Amino acid sequence: MANWRQQLILRFQERDSNEVQKYKDIILQNNRLMDNVAQLKADKLRISVENEQLRSAVANNTGPAGNLAFLTLEKKLLSQQEELTELHKRKGENSQRIVDLNIRIEELNAQMNDKDRQLAQEKRSNASFRAEIKMYVSSMDELKRLNTTLKDEHTALQLAFSSLEEKLRSVQEENYNLLERLKDYKSRDADKLNEENESFLRKRSDKVRRELEDAVRETSRNSSSPISSEAIDCTNGIDISGIDCDLHIPPMSMNPTNMYAKFEAHEGEVSAVRWCPTEKIIATGGADRKLKLWDVRKRSPEQLAVLTGCSQGINSIDFDSTGTYVIGTSNDKGVRVWTVADHRLRHTLTGHIEKVMAAKYLHEPYKIISGSHDRTLKVWDVRSSACIETKFVGSSCFDLVTTDSIGASIISAHFDKKIRFWDIRMEKPINDLLLPNKITSLDLSKDCNFLLCSVRDDTIKLLDLRMNNILRTFSHENFKLSCDSARVGFNFDATRIASGSADGSIYIWNTLNGRHEELLKGHSPSAVNAVSWSPTQSSLASVGKGRRCIVWTAEL
């Protein structure tokens, strides 16, 4: 409080000093003028006294000397009167100047009062601003404390998420190991069954052969018509004199000829279909911007979920090896990842500048690679939803495959008629293969030895990746690919391939002999866009432009 008073006194003293300094010269001149006026009044009084004395002296002395003195005094009086007149004139001028200065002083006082009022208003505003600043500082401190709390909570949640993610990875790895063990057990069981069948067939054939030889010997003893033992054929059965033995080992895979289920999958054209690797589930995607999951264990498929998030039509679908995640690419330039169990959208990967045609897991479940019409391949870190590498190809990508879940090698198909082979550690492709026309899709056999390519010249090429050459070319006089994104595929043991045609038919070829074996009709007249084989059985799913999805199975 004392400081405030002392500051106010100092400001008043400073203001008085400034005001006195402005008018100091005027006050000094005014004091001089007043002194001169007083001096002139005293001179006037003295001269008047002298004048009276002179008049008295003249009256007493009227001689020539008196007249001369009188004239002298009269001249002196005139000069004094003139000087007095001049002084009065200067006094008037000074008085007028004093009046003008007083008016100026009043104007300056008015201006000073206005400045004082403005200063007081600025002080009030300053006090208000200080109060607001204080309030904002307290709010900022509160927000900082709240931000610190939120950061701590975020850190705790991130740690919990990392722990859960680690548990999920361990469960996925355990699931993957269990699946591999299950596949190994099934393979062993199949091998054992085949061995038992072969042993049973050999024993049965030997038994029948012995019985026939005994019958021939018995017939020879009885002089009946002889039957040569060379008539016995037990390669695939026995055919002796009209006797047909059809015992044989059933093939590992058969052609799906039975239309198991047919249903309306989407509201518009259906462009993608994929079979889940672990369950009886298929995923379909179409121009209605939806990805749907279907349970096809019954003849009337049940819709399990509708996965949304895309703003334009879906181009391709793929699962991870455990069937936990499903990937969808879209014309809206994005890649999206959903979880199959809870149907939630987990990640949205954006960065391409044109529609995305294909995406695969590169290093499960951390990385994804995508190919787009913008002539690039992008590698994504799924945990941060960020692009960590871009490979510039120079040609639009239609499809791609990875050699395994680790993703050491990538194979991509392009508009410029080339198949490019990539090492993930290299910036440029390590090799490429030129085909007669642009490639619409790729599929890799489970052993990663053979690559299937659908070419826009309406042929399908089978490549041996060990020799890097074309092993077979499949075609048919009525076969014609439906579009630039038409998909083909291997069955589970790579002995059959299937592809949809523009006439609504599905063509199936045998990869061992190159023959066309089956023609499935169910989509006519709508074109078939994509097919997908069941990972463990001879079942096939197909979709096309007519909104329908058809599931085909082998007749037992």
Protein backbone atom coordinates (compact mmCIF):
# COMPACT_ATOMS: atom_id res chain seq x y z
CA MET A 1 0.00 0.00 0.00
CA ALA A 2 2.87 2.42 0.86
CA ASN A 3 4.56 1.66 -2.43
CA TRP A 4 1.36 2.51 -4.25
CA ARG A 5 1.07 5.89 -2.49
CA GLN A 6 4.74 6.70 -3.04
CA GLN A 7 4.37 5.84 -6.74
CA LEU A 8 1.29 8.11 -7.00
CA ILE A 9 3.14 11.02 -5.29
CA LEU A 10 6.10 10.56 -7.66
CA ARG A 11 3.76 10.65 -10.67
CA PHE A 12 2.07 13.88 -9.40
CA GLN A 13 5.48 15.50 -8.79
CA GLU A 14 6.60 14.49 -12.24
CA ARG A 15 3.42 15.94 -13.77
CA ASP A 16 3.86 19.27 -11.83
CA SER A 17 7.48 19.49 -12.93
CA ASN A 18 6.51 18.95 -16.58
CA GLU A 19 3.76 21.59 -16.42
CA VAL A 20 6.01 24.19 -14.68
CA GLN A 21 8.81 23.62 -17.21
CA LYS A 22 6.45 24.38 -20.11
CA TYR A 23 5.39 27.83 -18.74
CA LYS A 24 8.58 28.89 -16.94
CA ASP A 25 9.71 31.33 -19.68
CA ILE A 26 6.28 32.94 -19.87
CA ILE A 27 6.16 33.45 -16.12
CA LEU A 28 9.64 35.00 -16.12
CA GLN A 29 8.71 37.43 -18.92
CA ASN A 30 5.50 38.34 -17.10
CA ASN A 31 7.48 39.07 -13.92
CA ARG A 32 9.89 41.25 -15.89
CA LEU A 33 6.97 43.15 -17.40
CA MET A 34 5.45 43.71 -13.98
CA ASP A 35 8.79 44.97 -12.70
CA ASN A 36 9.08 47.34 -15.65
CA VAL A 37 5.53 48.61 -15.05
CA ALA A 38 6.33 49.27 -11.39
CA GLN A 39 9.56 51.03 -12.38
CA LEU A 40 7.69 53.17 -14.93
CA LYS A 41 5.05 54.08 -12.36
CA ALA A 42 7.82 55.16 -9.98
CA ASP A 43 9.49 57.19 -12.78
CA LYS A 44 6.14 58.75 -13.65
CA LEU A 45 5.57 59.77 -10.05
CA ARG A 46 9.10 61.19 -9.80
CA ILE A 47 8.71 63.12 -13.07
CA SER A 48 5.34 64.46 -11.91
CA VAL A 49 6.97 65.70 -8.70
CA GLU A 50 9.78 67.28 -10.65
CA ASN A 51 7.28 68.84 -13.02
CA GLU A 52 5.40 70.45 -10.17
CA GLN A 53 8.63 71.67 -8.70
CA LEU A 54 9.59 73.15 -12.05
CA ARG A 55 6.21 74.79 -12.39
CA SER A 56 6.66 76.33 -8.97
CA ALA A 57 10.14 77.45 -9.86
CA VAL A 58 8.93 78.98 -13.14
CA ALA A 59 6.20 80.78 -11.37
CA ASN A 60 8.69 82.26 -8.99
CA ASN A 61 11.33 82.98 -11.66
CA THR A 62 9.99 84.27 -14.94
CA GLY A 63 13.23 85.56 -16.36
CA PRO A 64 15.08 84.28 -19.48
CA ALA A 65 16.86 81.66 -17.50
CA GLY A 66 13.55 80.39 -16.22
CA ASN A 67 12.13 80.14 -19.71
CA LEU A 68 15.12 78.18 -20.88
CA ALA A 69 14.82 75.74 -18.00
CA PHE A 70 11.15 75.45 -18.67
CA LEU A 71 11.72 74.58 -22.30
CA THR A 72 14.31 72.01 -21.32
CA LEU A 73 11.98 70.39 -18.87
CA GLU A 74 9.15 70.49 -21.36
CA LYS A 75 11.28 68.63 -23.93
CA LYS A 76 12.25 66.13 -21.32
CA LEU A 77 8.59 65.70 -20.42
CA LEU A 78 7.66 65.06 -24.04
CA SER A 79 10.37 62.44 -24.39
CA GLN A 80 9.23 60.83 -21.15
CA GLN A 81 5.61 60.85 -22.36
CA GLU A 82 6.65 59.22 -25.63
CA GLU A 83 8.59 56.61 -23.68
CA LEU A 84 5.56 56.10 -21.44
CA THR A 85 3.33 55.70 -24.48
CA GLU A 86 5.70 53.10 -25.88
CA LEU A 87 5.72 51.28 -22.55
CA HIS A 88 1.90 51.31 -22.45
CA LYS A 89 1.86 49.90 -25.98
CA ARG A 90 4.28 47.13 -25.00
CA LYS A 91 2.20 46.49 -21.89
CA GLY A 92 -0.90 46.01 -24.05
CA GLU A 93 0.93 43.63 -26.33
CA ASN A 94 2.24 41.70 -23.36
CA SER A 95 -1.22 41.61 -21.83
CA GLN A 96 -2.64 40.22 -25.07
CA ARG A 97 0.15 37.66 -25.16
CA ILE A 98 -0.60 36.73 -21.57
CA VAL A 99 -4.28 36.24 -22.53
CA ASP A 100 -3.29 34.03 -25.46
CA LEU A 101 -0.95 32.05 -23.26
CA ASN A 102 -3.68 31.60 -20.65
CA ILE A 103 -6.01 30.27 -23.37
CA ARG A 104 -3.25 27.92 -24.51
CA ILE A 105 -2.75 26.83 -20.89
CA GLU A 106 -6.47 26.07 -20.59
CA GLU A 107 -6.37 24.03 -23.81
CA LEU A 108 -3.32 22.12 -22.57
CA ASN A 109 -5.04 21.55 -19.23
CA ALA A 110 -8.07 20.17 -21.08
CA GLN A 111 -5.84 17.88 -23.12
CA MET A 112 -4.06 16.81 -19.97
CA ASN A 113 -7.40 16.01 -18.33
CA ASP A 114 -8.34 13.91 -21.37
CA LYS A 115 -5.00 12.10 -21.12
CA ASP A 116 -5.60 11.54 -17.42
CA ARG A 117 -9.02 10.06 -18.16
CA GLN A 118 -7.53 7.84 -20.87
CA LEU A 119 -4.76 6.81 -18.49
CA ALA A 120 -7.30 5.89 -15.83
CA GLN A 121 -9.28 3.88 -18.39
CA GLU A 122 -6.11 2.12 -19.57
CA LYS A 123 -5.26 1.34 -15.98
CA ARG A 124 -8.70 -0.19 -15.46
CA SER A 125 -8.29 -2.20 -18.69
CA ASN A 126 -4.82 -3.27 -17.59
CA ALA A 127 -6.22 -4.42 -14.24
CA SER A 128 -8.95 -6.35 -16.08
CA PHE A 129 -6.38 -7.96 -18.39
CA ARG A 130 -4.22 -8.89 -15.42
CA ALA A 131 -7.20 -10.59 -13.83
CA GLU A 132 -7.92 -12.47 -17.07
CA ILE A 133 -4.25 -13.48 -17.37
CA LYS A 134 -4.32 -14.77 -13.83
CA MET A 135 -7.48 -16.75 -14.59
CA TYR A 136 -5.95 -18.15 -17.80
CA VAL A 137 -2.76 -19.09 -15.95
CA SER A 138 -4.79 -20.98 -13.36
CA SER A 139 -6.78 -22.68 -16.17
CA MET A 140 -3.54 -23.60 -17.94
CA ASP A 141 -2.15 -25.09 -14.74
CA GLU A 142 -5.33 -27.10 -14.32
CA LEU A 143 -5.13 -28.30 -17.94
CA LYS A 144 -1.49 -29.25 -17.45
CA ARG A 145 -2.42 -31.33 -14.43
CA LEU A 146 -5.27 -32.91 -16.39
CA ASN A 147 -2.94 -33.55 -19.35
CA THR A 148 -0.42 -35.21 -17.03
CA THR A 149 -3.17 -37.42 -15.64
CA LEU A 150 -4.33 -38.34 -19.15
CA LYS A 151 -0.75 -39.11 -20.20
CA ASP A 152 -0.35 -41.39 -17.22
CA GLU A 153 -3.63 -43.12 -18.07
CA HIS A 154 -2.58 -43.40 -21.73
CA THR A 155 0.75 -44.91 -20.69
CA ALA A 156 -1.05 -47.39 -18.46
CA LEU A 157 -3.49 -48.27 -21.25
CA GLN A 158 -0.64 -48.61 -23.71
CA LEU A 159 1.17 -50.96 -21.38
CA ALA A 160 -2.03 -52.95 -20.91
CA PHE A 161 -2.56 -52.99 -24.68
CA SER A 162 1.03 -54.14 -25.25
CA SER A 163 0.54 -56.91 -22.70
CA LEU A 164 -2.72 -57.98 -24.34
CA GLU A 165 -1.14 -57.76 -27.77
CA GLU A 166 1.73 -59.95 -26.57
CA LYS A 167 -0.77 -62.44 -25.18
CA LEU A 168 -2.67 -62.33 -28.47
CA ARG A 169 0.53 -62.98 -30.42
CA SER A 170 1.40 -65.89 -28.16
CA VAL A 171 -2.11 -67.29 -28.55
CA GLN A 172 -1.92 -66.82 -32.32
CA GLU A 173 1.47 -68.52 -32.43
CA GLU A 174 0.12 -71.34 -30.29
CA ASN A 175 -2.93 -71.56 -32.56
CA TYR A 176 -0.68 -71.59 -35.60
CA ASN A 177 1.50 -74.31 -34.06
CA LEU A 178 -1.61 -76.32 -33.19
CA LEU A 179 -2.88 -75.93 -36.74
CA GLU A 180 0.45 -77.06 -38.12
CA ARG A 181 0.40 -80.03 -35.78
CA LEU A 182 -3.19 -80.76 -36.79
CA LYS A 183 -2.23 -80.58 -40.46
CA ASP A 184 0.74 -82.84 -39.77
CA TYR A 185 -1.48 -85.33 -37.94
CA LYS A 186 -4.04 -85.24 -40.75
CA SER A 187 -1.30 -85.77 -43.30
CA ARG A 188 0.03 -88.71 -41.30
CA ASP A 189 -3.49 -90.11 -40.97
CA ALA A 190 -4.01 -89.73 -44.72
CA ASP A 191 -0.69 -91.43 -45.43
CA LYS A 192 -1.55 -94.21 -43.01
CA LEU A 193 -5.00 -94.59 -44.58
CA ASN A 194 -3.46 -94.74 -48.02
CA GLU A 195 -1.00 -97.37 -46.84
CA GLU A 196 -3.85 -99.38 -45.28
CA ASN A 197 -5.88 -99.06 -48.50
CA GLU A 198 -2.93 -100.13 -50.57
CA SER A 199 -2.26 -103.07 -48.23
CA PHE A 200 -5.91 -104.05 -48.29
CA LEU A 201 -5.97 -103.76 -52.08
CA ARG A 202 -2.85 -105.90 -52.43
CA LYS A 203 -4.20 -108.54 -50.07
CA ARG A 204 -7.58 -108.54 -51.83
CA SER A 205 -5.95 -108.74 -55.23
CA ASP A 206 -3.65 -111.55 -54.08
CA LYS A 207 -6.62 -113.40 -52.61
CA VAL A 208 -8.67 -113.04 -55.79
CA ARG A 209 -5.64 -114.04 -57.88
CA ARG A 210 -5.14 -117.18 -55.78
CA GLU A 211 -8.84 -118.02 -55.98
CA LEU A 212 -8.84 -117.55 -59.76
CA GLU A 213 -5.66 -119.63 -60.13
CA ASP A 214 -7.23 -122.35 -58.02
CA ALA A 215 -10.37 -122.11 -60.13
CA VAL A 216 -8.30 -122.35 -63.33
CA ARG A 217 -6.43 -125.38 -62.00
CA GLU A 218 -9.67 -126.97 -60.88
CA THR A 219 -11.22 -126.28 -64.24
CA SER A 220 -8.20 -127.77 -66.02
CA ARG A 221 -8.50 -130.93 -63.94
CA ASN A 222 -12.17 -131.16 -64.82
CA SER A 223 -11.31 -130.62 -68.57
CA SER A 224 -13.34 -127.42 -68.66
CA SER A 225 -12.55 -124.45 -70.95
CA PRO A 226 -9.22 -122.97 -69.78
CA ILE A 227 -8.86 -119.40 -68.49
CA SER A 228 -5.40 -117.98 -68.93
CA SER A 229 -3.82 -116.40 -65.92
CA GLU A 230 -2.66 -113.63 -68.19
CA ALA A 231 -6.29 -112.44 -68.30
CA ILE A 232 -5.92 -111.19 -64.72
CA ASP A 233 -5.52 -107.42 -64.38
CA CYS A 234 -5.23 -106.13 -60.88
CA THR A 235 -3.80 -102.72 -61.46
CA ASN A 236 -7.00 -100.79 -60.69
CA GLY A 237 -9.22 -103.78 -60.04
CA ILE A 238 -9.86 -107.20 -61.64
CA ASP A 239 -11.57 -107.85 -64.95
CA ILE A 240 -11.70 -111.60 -65.67
CA SER A 241 -14.34 -112.84 -68.08
CA GLY A 242 -16.81 -110.08 -67.26
CA ILE A 243 -15.93 -109.86 -63.54
CA ASP A 244 -15.40 -106.17 -62.57
CA CYS A 245 -13.52 -105.28 -59.39
CA ASP A 246 -13.69 -101.48 -58.77
CA LEU A 247 -11.56 -101.35 -55.66
CA HIS A 248 -9.16 -98.41 -55.96
CA ILE A 249 -7.66 -95.62 -53.89
CA PRO A 250 -9.90 -92.54 -54.11
CA PRO A 251 -8.22 -89.43 -55.50
CA MET A 252 -6.93 -86.83 -53.11
CA SER A 253 -9.06 -84.13 -54.78
CA MET A 254 -12.15 -84.17 -56.94
CA ASN A 255 -13.87 -81.63 -59.12
CA PRO A 256 -16.68 -79.67 -57.44
CA THR A 257 -19.73 -80.39 -59.60
CA ASN A 258 -22.55 -80.10 -57.06
CA MET A 259 -24.16 -76.66 -56.51
CA TYR A 260 -24.25 -76.81 -52.71
CA ALA A 261 -25.61 -73.28 -52.03
CA LYS A 262 -26.65 -70.25 -54.04
CA PHE A 263 -27.58 -66.96 -52.38
CA GLU A 264 -27.80 -63.19 -52.89
CA ALA A 265 -24.59 -61.85 -51.34
CA HIS A 266 -24.72 -58.09 -52.05
CA GLU A 267 -26.93 -55.33 -53.39
CA GLY A 268 -24.78 -54.86 -56.49
CA GLU A 269 -21.89 -56.46 -58.33
CA VAL A 270 -19.75 -58.82 -56.23
CA SER A 271 -16.07 -58.42 -57.03
CA ALA A 272 -14.19 -60.47 -54.40
CA VAL A 273 -14.52 -63.75 -52.48
CA ARG A 274 -12.14 -65.54 -50.12
CA TRP A 275 -12.39 -68.71 -48.06
CA CYS A 276 -11.29 -68.48 -44.42
CA PRO A 277 -8.27 -70.79 -43.87
CA THR A 278 -9.53 -72.30 -40.61
CA GLU A 279 -13.35 -72.39 -40.60
CA LYS A 280 -16.38 -72.87 -42.83
CA ILE A 281 -16.57 -69.15 -43.46
CA ILE A 282 -16.30 -67.21 -46.69
CA ALA A 283 -15.91 -63.45 -47.08
CA THR A 284 -17.41 -61.51 -49.99
CA GLY A 285 -16.99 -57.89 -51.06
CA GLY A 286 -18.87 -55.84 -53.61
CA ALA A 287 -19.72 -52.50 -55.12
CA ASP A 288 -22.10 -51.75 -52.21
CA ARG A 289 -18.99 -50.89 -50.11
CA LYS A 290 -19.58 -53.79 -47.71
CA LEU A 291 -17.51 -56.82 -46.75
CA LYS A 292 -19.67 -59.71 -45.50
CA LEU A 293 -18.88 -62.92 -43.64
CA TRP A 294 -20.99 -66.03 -44.32
CA ASP A 295 -21.31 -69.37 -42.53
CA VAL A 296 -21.63 -71.95 -45.32
CA ARG A 297 -21.85 -75.11 -43.23
CA LYS A 298 -25.54 -75.35 -44.17
CA ARG A 299 -27.19 -75.22 -47.56
CA SER A 300 -28.79 -71.92 -46.53
CA PRO A 301 -25.73 -69.79 -45.67
CA GLU A 302 -26.02 -67.59 -42.62
CA GLN A 303 -24.76 -64.03 -42.71
CA LEU A 304 -22.41 -63.64 -39.73
CA ALA A 305 -21.44 -59.99 -40.07
CA VAL A 306 -21.40 -56.93 -42.31
CA LEU A 307 -18.02 -55.16 -42.05
CA THR A 308 -18.28 -51.48 -42.93
CA GLY A 309 -15.84 -48.60 -43.24
CA CYS A 310 -15.15 -48.43 -46.97
CA SER A 311 -16.56 -45.46 -48.89
CA GLN A 312 -16.31 -47.15 -52.31
CA GLY A 313 -16.44 -50.64 -53.79
CA ILE A 314 -14.19 -53.44 -52.52
CA ASN A 315 -11.59 -54.94 -54.87
CA SER A 316 -9.96 -57.81 -52.95
CA ILE A 317 -10.16 -59.78 -49.70
CA ASP A 318 -7.59 -61.82 -47.81
CA PHE A 319 -7.25 -63.52 -44.41
CA ASP A 320 -4.20 -64.01 -42.27
CA SER A 321 -3.00 -67.62 -41.89
CA THR A 322 -4.88 -68.08 -38.59
CA GLY A 323 -8.19 -66.65 -39.78
CA THR A 324 -8.11 -63.98 -37.07
CA TYR A 325 -7.96 -60.92 -39.33
CA VAL A 326 -9.51 -60.11 -42.70
CA ILE A 327 -8.12 -57.46 -45.06
CA GLY A 328 -10.17 -55.51 -47.59
CA THR A 329 -8.92 -53.16 -50.32
CA SER A 330 -11.13 -50.56 -51.91
CA ASN A 331 -11.55 -48.02 -54.68
CA ASP A 332 -11.43 -45.32 -51.99
CA LYS A 333 -7.59 -45.68 -51.94
CA GLY A 334 -7.56 -47.38 -48.53
CA VAL A 335 -6.74 -50.74 -46.93
CA ARG A 336 -8.77 -51.86 -43.90
CA VAL A 337 -8.29 -54.63 -41.36
CA TRP A 338 -11.13 -56.17 -39.31
CA THR A 339 -11.10 -58.88 -36.66
CA VAL A 340 -13.19 -61.90 -37.59
CA ALA A 341 -14.25 -62.74 -34.03
CA ASP A 342 -15.82 -59.41 -32.98
CA HIS A 343 -16.26 -57.88 -36.48
CA ARG A 344 -14.53 -54.63 -35.45
CA LEU A 345 -12.57 -52.32 -37.75
CA ARG A 346 -9.05 -52.35 -36.31
CA HIS A 347 -6.90 -50.43 -38.78
CA THR A 348 -7.38 -48.07 -41.73
CA LEU A 349 -4.29 -47.65 -43.91
CA THR A 350 -4.36 -44.61 -46.21
CA GLY A 351 -1.60 -43.20 -48.39
CA HIS A 352 -2.20 -44.47 -51.93
CA ILE A 353 -3.43 -41.90 -54.44
CA GLU A 354 -5.36 -44.38 -56.60
CA LYS A 355 -7.56 -47.40 -55.91
CA VAL A 356 -5.91 -50.30 -54.08
CA MET A 357 -6.18 -53.64 -55.91
CA ALA A 358 -4.59 -56.12 -53.48
CA ALA A 359 -3.12 -56.47 -49.99
CA LYS A 360 -1.44 -59.35 -48.16
CA TYR A 361 0.12 -59.93 -44.77
CA LEU A 362 3.87 -59.54 -45.08
CA HIS A 363 4.96 -60.42 -41.56
CA GLU A 364 2.00 -61.57 -39.50
CA PRO A 365 0.50 -59.81 -37.74
CA TYR A 366 2.71 -56.71 -37.91
CA LYS A 367 3.12 -55.75 -41.56
CA ILE A 368 0.92 -55.59 -44.65
CA ILE A 369 1.92 -54.92 -48.26
CA SER A 370 -0.51 -53.36 -50.73
CA GLY A 371 -0.48 -52.75 -54.49
CA SER A 372 -2.33 -49.92 -56.19
CA HIS A 373 -3.12 -48.33 -59.53
CA ASP A 374 -0.83 -45.47 -58.47
CA ARG A 375 2.09 -47.71 -59.60
CA THR A 376 3.49 -48.27 -56.11
CA LEU A 377 3.72 -51.03 -53.53
CA LYS A 378 3.50 -49.85 -49.90
CA VAL A 379 4.62 -51.68 -46.77
CA TRP A 380 2.54 -50.79 -43.67
CA ASP A 381 3.26 -51.14 -39.97
CA VAL A 382 -0.10 -52.32 -38.66
CA ARG A 383 0.65 -51.31 -35.06
CA SER A 384 1.07 -47.63 -35.98
CA SER A 385 -1.12 -47.66 -39.14
CA ALA A 386 1.76 -45.93 -40.95
CA CYS A 387 3.51 -46.55 -44.27
CA ILE A 388 7.11 -47.52 -43.56
CA GLU A 389 8.30 -48.18 -47.14
CA THR A 390 7.18 -47.38 -50.68
CA LYS A 391 8.41 -49.31 -53.69
CA PHE A 392 8.00 -47.39 -56.96
CA VAL A 393 7.17 -49.87 -59.71
CA GLY A 394 6.30 -47.70 -62.70
CA SER A 395 3.19 -49.70 -63.65
CA SER A 396 -0.24 -50.23 -62.10
CA CYS A 397 -0.41 -53.26 -59.80
CA PHE A 398 -3.35 -55.68 -60.23
CA ASP A 399 -2.43 -58.38 -57.70
CA LEU A 400 0.36 -59.63 -55.46
CA VAL A 401 1.29 -62.66 -53.34
CA THR A 402 3.83 -63.33 -50.59
CA THR A 403 5.78 -66.56 -50.36
CA ASP A 404 5.00 -67.15 -46.66
CA SER A 405 3.74 -65.43 -43.52
CA ILE A 406 7.21 -64.00 -42.92
CA GLY A 407 7.03 -62.31 -46.31
CA ALA A 408 10.64 -62.73 -47.38
CA SER A 409 9.65 -62.56 -51.07
CA ILE A 410 6.90 -60.73 -52.91
CA ILE A 411 5.51 -61.38 -56.38
CA SER A 412 3.42 -58.68 -58.08
CA ALA A 413 1.44 -58.55 -61.35
CA HIS A 414 1.25 -55.36 -63.43
CA PHE A 415 -0.38 -53.55 -66.30
CA ASP A 416 2.88 -53.48 -68.31
CA LYS A 417 2.63 -57.31 -68.79
CA LYS A 418 5.35 -58.04 -66.24
CA ILE A 419 5.49 -60.21 -63.16
CA ARG A 420 8.01 -58.74 -60.72
CA PHE A 421 9.87 -60.69 -58.03
CA TRP A 422 10.92 -58.73 -54.94
CA ASP A 423 13.16 -59.28 -51.98
CA ILE A 424 11.66 -57.22 -49.15
CA ARG A 425 15.13 -55.92 -48.27
CA MET A 426 15.73 -54.57 -51.79
CA GLU A 427 14.42 -51.33 -53.26
CA LYS A 428 14.27 -52.72 -56.82
CA PRO A 429 12.85 -56.05 -58.06
CA ILE A 430 15.38 -58.86 -58.21
CA ASN A 431 13.79 -60.35 -61.35
CA ASP A 432 10.84 -59.98 -63.70
CA LEU A 433 9.04 -62.04 -66.33
CA LEU A 434 7.31 -60.62 -69.40
CA LEU A 435 3.99 -62.20 -70.48
CA PRO A 436 1.95 -61.60 -73.67
CA ASN A 437 -0.59 -59.28 -72.01
CA LYS A 438 -1.36 -57.57 -68.72
CA ILE A 439 -1.83 -59.89 -65.72
CA THR A 440 -5.10 -59.70 -63.76
CA SER A 441 -4.35 -62.02 -60.83
CA LEU A 442 -1.84 -64.33 -59.15
CA ASP A 443 -2.10 -67.38 -56.91
CA LEU A 444 0.66 -69.36 -55.23
CA SER A 445 0.65 -73.06 -54.42
CA LYS A 446 1.05 -74.03 -50.76
CA ASP A 447 4.59 -75.30 -51.31
CA CYS A 448 5.45 -71.98 -53.04
CA ASN A 449 6.86 -73.86 -56.05
CA PHE A 450 4.18 -72.95 -58.59
CA LEU A 451 2.61 -69.63 -59.54
CA LEU A 452 -0.72 -69.25 -61.36
CA CYS A 453 -1.25 -66.16 -63.55
CA SER A 454 -4.39 -65.07 -65.37
CA VAL A 455 -3.50 -63.05 -68.48
CA ARG A 456 -5.75 -60.64 -70.36
CA ASP A 457 -5.25 -62.58 -73.61
CA ASP A 458 -7.74 -65.09 -72.05
CA THR A 459 -5.11 -67.64 -71.03
CA ILE A 460 -3.87 -68.88 -67.68
CA LYS A 461 -0.16 -69.53 -67.19
CA LEU A 462 1.35 -72.02 -64.73
CA LEU A 463 4.90 -71.02 -63.74
CA ASP A 464 7.51 -73.23 -62.12
CA LEU A 465 9.27 -70.84 -59.75
CA ARG A 466 12.18 -73.22 -59.26
CA MET A 467 13.05 -73.00 -62.96
CA ASN A 468 11.48 -69.56 -63.55
CA ASN A 469 9.69 -70.69 -66.69
CA ILE A 470 6.15 -71.28 -67.95
CA LEU A 471 5.17 -74.90 -67.28
CA ARG A 472 1.70 -74.96 -68.89
CA THR A 473 -0.79 -72.67 -70.59
CA PHE A 474 -4.50 -73.26 -70.00
CA SER A 475 -7.16 -71.99 -72.39
CA HIS A 476 -10.52 -72.89 -73.94
CA GLU A 477 -12.28 -71.74 -77.04
CA ASN A 478 -15.18 -70.25 -75.00
CA PHE A 479 -13.12 -69.00 -72.06
CA LYS A 480 -12.78 -65.23 -71.68
CA LEU A 481 -11.77 -63.28 -68.57
CA SER A 482 -14.54 -61.01 -67.32
CA CYS A 483 -12.48 -57.94 -66.27
CA ASP A 484 -9.03 -56.60 -65.40
CA SER A 485 -9.41 -57.80 -61.80
CA ALA A 486 -10.66 -61.36 -62.54
CA ARG A 487 -9.27 -63.82 -59.98
CA VAL A 488 -8.11 -67.43 -60.49
CA GLY A 489 -6.93 -69.96 -57.92
CA PHE A 490 -5.35 -73.31 -57.03
CA ASN A 491 -7.23 -75.94 -55.07
CA PHE A 492 -5.75 -77.15 -51.78
CA ASP A 493 -3.29 -79.63 -53.33
CA ALA A 494 -2.58 -77.61 -56.52
CA THR A 495 -3.91 -80.41 -58.79
CA ARG A 496 -6.80 -78.28 -60.07
CA ILE A 497 -7.24 -74.65 -61.04
CA ALA A 498 -10.46 -72.71 -61.52
CA SER A 499 -11.34 -69.43 -63.20
CA GLY A 500 -14.54 -67.58 -63.97
CA SER A 501 -15.46 -66.49 -67.48
CA ALA A 502 -17.36 -63.62 -69.04
CA ASP A 503 -20.13 -66.01 -70.16
CA GLY A 504 -21.01 -66.86 -66.54
CA SER A 505 -19.26 -70.26 -66.52
CA ILE A 506 -16.47 -71.59 -64.32
CA TYR A 507 -13.70 -73.55 -66.04
CA ILE A 508 -11.67 -76.17 -64.16
CA TRP A 509 -8.39 -77.59 -65.50
CA ASN A 510 -6.12 -80.38 -64.29
CA THR A 511 -2.63 -79.05 -63.62
CA LEU A 512 -1.01 -82.48 -63.98
CA ASN A 513 -2.05 -83.11 -67.59
CA GLY A 514 -3.32 -79.66 -68.63
CA ARG A 515 -6.78 -80.96 -69.62
CA HIS A 516 -10.00 -79.05 -69.21
CA GLU A 517 -12.06 -81.27 -66.88
CA GLU A 518 -15.18 -79.41 -65.75
CA LEU A 519 -17.53 -76.60 -66.78
CA LEU A 520 -19.79 -75.22 -64.03
CA LYS A 521 -22.77 -73.11 -65.02
CA GLY A 522 -24.76 -71.19 -62.45
CA HIS A 523 -24.02 -67.52 -62.89
CA SER A 524 -25.22 -67.18 -66.52
CA PRO A 525 -25.69 -64.75 -68.08
CA SER A 526 -23.71 -62.66 -65.56
CA ALA A 527 -19.93 -62.78 -65.76
CA VAL A 528 -17.91 -64.48 -63.00
CA ASN A 529 -15.40 -62.11 -61.36
CA ALA A 530 -13.61 -64.25 -58.77
CA VAL A 531 -13.31 -67.79 -57.39
CA SER A 532 -11.84 -69.17 -54.17
CA TRP A 533 -11.08 -72.78 -53.21
CA SER A 534 -11.64 -74.23 -49.76
CA PRO A 535 -8.27 -74.62 -48.00
CA THR A 536 -8.87 -78.26 -47.02
CA GLN A 537 -11.61 -79.70 -49.27
CA SER A 538 -12.67 -79.84 -52.90
CA SER A 539 -15.13 -76.98 -52.47
CA LEU A 540 -15.27 -73.79 -54.51
CA ALA A 541 -16.91 -70.40 -54.01
CA SER A 542 -17.61 -68.06 -56.94
CA VAL A 543 -19.02 -64.54 -57.29
CA GLY A 544 -19.91 -62.36 -60.24
CA LYS A 545 -21.72 -59.33 -61.54
CA GLY A 546 -25.14 -60.76 -60.78
CA ARG A 547 -25.01 -60.19 -56.96
CA ARG A 548 -24.96 -63.94 -56.32
CA CYS A 549 -22.46 -66.18 -54.57
CA ILE A 550 -22.40 -69.91 -55.31
CA VAL A 551 -20.72 -72.65 -53.27
CA TRP A 552 -19.78 -75.79 -55.21
CA THR A 553 -18.83 -79.14 -53.65
CA ALA A 554 -17.60 -82.46 -54.97
CA GLU A 555 -20.14 -85.27 -55.31
CA LEU A 556 -19.21 -88.21 -53.06
